Structure formats: C-alpha cells, structure tokens
Amino acid sequence: MSKHMRPVYNERDDEIDAHSKSRAWDFVVVCIEVFTILCVVKGNTAWIGCLALLFAGMAANMMYRFDEYEERAYFHGGLILGAIGLALLIWFGVRG
C-alpha cells in the first residue's frame, strides 16, 4: 500500500468532519455578530438582515436536533426562531 493512500473512512473521520463543521459554524456566527454590531454603530440597516441569518441558523440547528432527538421542544423552538428570522428578513426586504 502506498504511503499516500488513505484508509477507509471511519468513525474518527465522521467525528472530525462534525467538529470541523461545528467550528466553522461558530466562526461564521461570530463574524455575523461583529458585522451586525458594526452595521448598528454605522447606522446601516443591514443589521436586520444579519439578525435574520442568525435566527435562521439557530432554527436550522433546532430542527436538526429535533430530527435526531425527536423531542417536540426542539421543533417548537425551531419554528419560533424560524418565524423570527423570516419576519426580520421580510422587514429587511421591505425597509432596506
């Protein structure tokens, strides 16, 4: 077997993939939060769209947890967060 060939994809690879996606999501959230604060400070209405993205991301996270755990609280939380995100997105679309 060559030194450069990789063994079969296993559980460790799944964990690494999940952790990398989690870290990437955390980085994106921090960037959106900083951008939102900058928009508010500068008086730019883009902060509304940024908040919509954050709420949509939180809703997706809750829906994924509902799918995995099958607990209705996650479903309801996802619906509420998604509705807030959608309302902010509509507000941004009308106002911006």
C-alpha atoms as a PDB file:
ATOM      1  CA  MET A   1       0.000   0.000   0.000  1.00  0.00           C
ATOM      2  CA  SER A   2       1.321   3.445  -0.899  1.00  0.00           C
ATOM      3  CA  LYS A   3       2.212   5.968   1.818  1.00  0.00           C
ATOM      4  CA  HIS A   4      -0.244   8.453   0.337  1.00  0.00           C
ATOM      5  CA  MET A   5      -3.260   6.174   0.193  1.00  0.00           C
ATOM      6  CA  ARG A   6      -5.825   6.828   2.862  1.00  0.00           C
ATOM      7  CA  PRO A   7      -7.562   4.043   4.789  1.00  0.00           C
ATOM      8  CA  VAL A   8     -11.304   3.561   4.653  1.00  0.00           C
ATOM      9  CA  TYR A   9     -13.496   6.378   6.027  1.00  0.00           C
ATOM     10  CA  ASN A  10     -14.309   5.534   9.644  1.00  0.00           C
ATOM     11  CA  GLU A  11     -15.968   6.904  12.798  1.00  0.00           C
ATOM     12  CA  ARG A  12     -12.982   9.097  13.619  1.00  0.00           C
ATOM     13  CA  ASP A  13     -13.343  10.777  10.238  1.00  0.00           C
ATOM     14  CA  ASP A  14     -17.038  11.352  10.955  1.00  0.00           C
ATOM     15  CA  GLU A  15     -16.167  12.988  14.273  1.00  0.00           C
ATOM     16  CA  ILE A  16     -13.501  15.181  12.669  1.00  0.00           C
ATOM     17  CA  ASP A  17     -15.965  16.209   9.969  1.00  0.00           C
ATOM     18  CA  ALA A  18     -18.651  17.054  12.530  1.00  0.00           C
ATOM     19  CA  HIS A  19     -16.220  19.047  14.682  1.00  0.00           C
ATOM     20  CA  SER A  20     -14.871  20.973  11.691  1.00  0.00           C
ATOM     21  CA  LYS A  21     -18.397  21.933  10.631  1.00  0.00           C
ATOM     22  CA  SER A  22     -19.197  22.975  14.186  1.00  0.00           C
ATOM     23  CA  ARG A  23     -16.067  25.130  14.417  1.00  0.00           C
ATOM     24  CA  ALA A  24     -16.798  26.670  11.028  1.00  0.00           C
ATOM     25  CA  TRP A  25     -20.364  27.488  12.100  1.00  0.00           C
ATOM     26  CA  ASP A  26     -19.066  29.095  15.316  1.00  0.00           C
ATOM     27  CA  PHE A  27     -16.677  31.246  13.269  1.00  0.00           C
ATOM     28  CA  VAL A  28     -19.453  32.322  10.889  1.00  0.00           C
ATOM     29  CA  VAL A  29     -21.716  33.230  13.817  1.00  0.00           C
ATOM     30  CA  VAL A  30     -19.015  35.394  15.390  1.00  0.00           C
ATOM     31  CA  CYS A  31     -18.371  37.134  12.066  1.00  0.00           C
ATOM     32  CA  ILE A  32     -22.084  37.830  11.573  1.00  0.00           C
ATOM     33  CA  GLU A  33     -22.373  39.165  15.133  1.00  0.00           C
ATOM     34  CA  VAL A  34     -19.411  41.514  14.615  1.00  0.00           C
ATOM     35  CA  PHE A  35     -20.830  42.646  11.270  1.00  0.00           C
ATOM     36  CA  THR A  36     -24.225  43.256  12.900  1.00  0.00           C
ATOM     37  CA  ILE A  37     -22.675  45.415  15.609  1.00  0.00           C
ATOM     38  CA  LEU A  38     -20.707  47.371  13.007  1.00  0.00           C
ATOM     39  CA  CYS A  39     -23.870  47.968  10.988  1.00  0.00           C
ATOM     40  CA  VAL A  40     -25.769  49.211  14.046  1.00  0.00           C
ATOM     41  CA  VAL A  41     -22.921  51.537  15.025  1.00  0.00           C
ATOM     42  CA  LYS A  42     -22.652  52.922  11.479  1.00  0.00           C
ATOM     43  CA  GLY A  43     -26.426  53.274  11.115  1.00  0.00           C
ATOM     44  CA  ASN A  44     -26.643  50.783   8.249  1.00  0.00           C
ATOM     45  CA  THR A  45     -29.893  48.793   8.037  1.00  0.00           C
ATOM     46  CA  ALA A  46     -28.029  45.618   7.017  1.00  0.00           C
ATOM     47  CA  TRP A  47     -28.061  44.613  10.701  1.00  0.00           C
ATOM     48  CA  ILE A  48     -31.636  43.457  10.213  1.00  0.00           C
ATOM     49  CA  GLY A  49     -30.567  41.003   7.513  1.00  0.00           C
ATOM     50  CA  CYS A  50     -27.686  39.801   9.676  1.00  0.00           C
ATOM     51  CA  LEU A  51     -30.028  39.056  12.553  1.00  0.00           C
ATOM     52  CA  ALA A  52     -32.329  37.233  10.140  1.00  0.00           C
ATOM     53  CA  LEU A  53     -29.406  34.993   9.151  1.00  0.00           C
ATOM     54  CA  LEU A  54     -28.540  34.284  12.775  1.00  0.00           C
ATOM     55  CA  PHE A  55     -32.128  33.343  13.632  1.00  0.00           C
ATOM     56  CA  ALA A  56     -32.385  31.163  10.507  1.00  0.00           C
ATOM     57  CA  GLY A  57     -29.188  29.361  11.529  1.00  0.00           C
ATOM     58  CA  MET A  58     -30.465  28.811  15.055  1.00  0.00           C
ATOM     59  CA  ALA A  59     -33.752  27.497  13.647  1.00  0.00           C
ATOM     60  CA  ALA A  60     -31.889  25.041  11.413  1.00  0.00           C
ATOM     61  CA  ASN A  61     -29.859  23.884  14.420  1.00  0.00           C
ATOM     62  CA  MET A  62     -33.034  23.308  16.444  1.00  0.00           C
ATOM     63  CA  MET A  63     -34.691  21.418  13.584  1.00  0.00           C
ATOM     64  CA  TYR A  64     -31.636  19.179  13.231  1.00  0.00           C
ATOM     65  CA  ARG A  65     -31.776  18.430  16.937  1.00  0.00           C
ATOM     66  CA  PHE A  66     -35.496  17.672  16.632  1.00  0.00           C
ATOM     67  CA  ASP A  67     -34.720  15.291  13.783  1.00  0.00           C
ATOM     68  CA  GLU A  68     -32.095  13.488  15.886  1.00  0.00           C
ATOM     69  CA  TYR A  69     -33.742  13.510  19.342  1.00  0.00           C
ATOM     70  CA  GLU A  70     -37.401  13.619  18.267  1.00  0.00           C
ATOM     71  CA  GLU A  71     -38.269  15.988  21.125  1.00  0.00           C
ATOM     72  CA  ARG A  72     -41.076  18.403  20.343  1.00  0.00           C
ATOM     73  CA  ALA A  73     -39.449  21.252  22.292  1.00  0.00           C
ATOM     74  CA  TYR A  74     -36.739  21.444  19.630  1.00  0.00           C
ATOM     75  CA  PHE A  75     -39.394  21.534  16.915  1.00  0.00           C
ATOM     76  CA  HIS A  76     -41.304  24.353  18.592  1.00  0.00           C
ATOM     77  CA  GLY A  77     -38.107  26.265  19.275  1.00  0.00           C
ATOM     78  CA  GLY A  78     -37.089  25.872  15.637  1.00  0.00           C
ATOM     79  CA  LEU A  79     -40.466  27.139  14.464  1.00  0.00           C
ATOM     80  CA  ILE A  80     -40.300  30.175  16.721  1.00  0.00           C
ATOM     81  CA  LEU A  81     -36.722  31.028  15.755  1.00  0.00           C
ATOM     82  CA  GLY A  82     -37.520  30.466  12.081  1.00  0.00           C
ATOM     83  CA  ALA A  83     -40.560  32.747  12.295  1.00  0.00           C
ATOM     84  CA  ILE A  84     -38.449  35.474  13.911  1.00  0.00           C
ATOM     85  CA  GLY A  85     -35.818  35.071  11.190  1.00  0.00           C
ATOM     86  CA  LEU A  86     -38.439  35.193   8.452  1.00  0.00           C
ATOM     87  CA  ALA A  87     -40.074  38.280   9.967  1.00  0.00           C
ATOM     88  CA  LEU A  88     -36.697  40.024  10.137  1.00  0.00           C
ATOM     89  CA  LEU A  89     -35.924  39.023   6.557  1.00  0.00           C
ATOM     90  CA  ILE A  90     -39.261  40.405   5.342  1.00  0.00           C
ATOM     91  CA  TRP A  91     -38.693  43.593   7.349  1.00  0.00           C
ATOM     92  CA  PHE A  92     -35.226  43.938   5.816  1.00  0.00           C
ATOM     93  CA  GLY A  93     -36.643  43.344   2.334  1.00  0.00           C
ATOM     94  CA  VAL A  94     -39.347  45.980   2.762  1.00  0.00           C
ATOM     95  CA  ARG A  95     -37.236  48.544   4.606  1.00  0.00           C
ATOM     96  CA  GLY A  96     -33.812  48.014   3.026  1.00  0.00           C
END
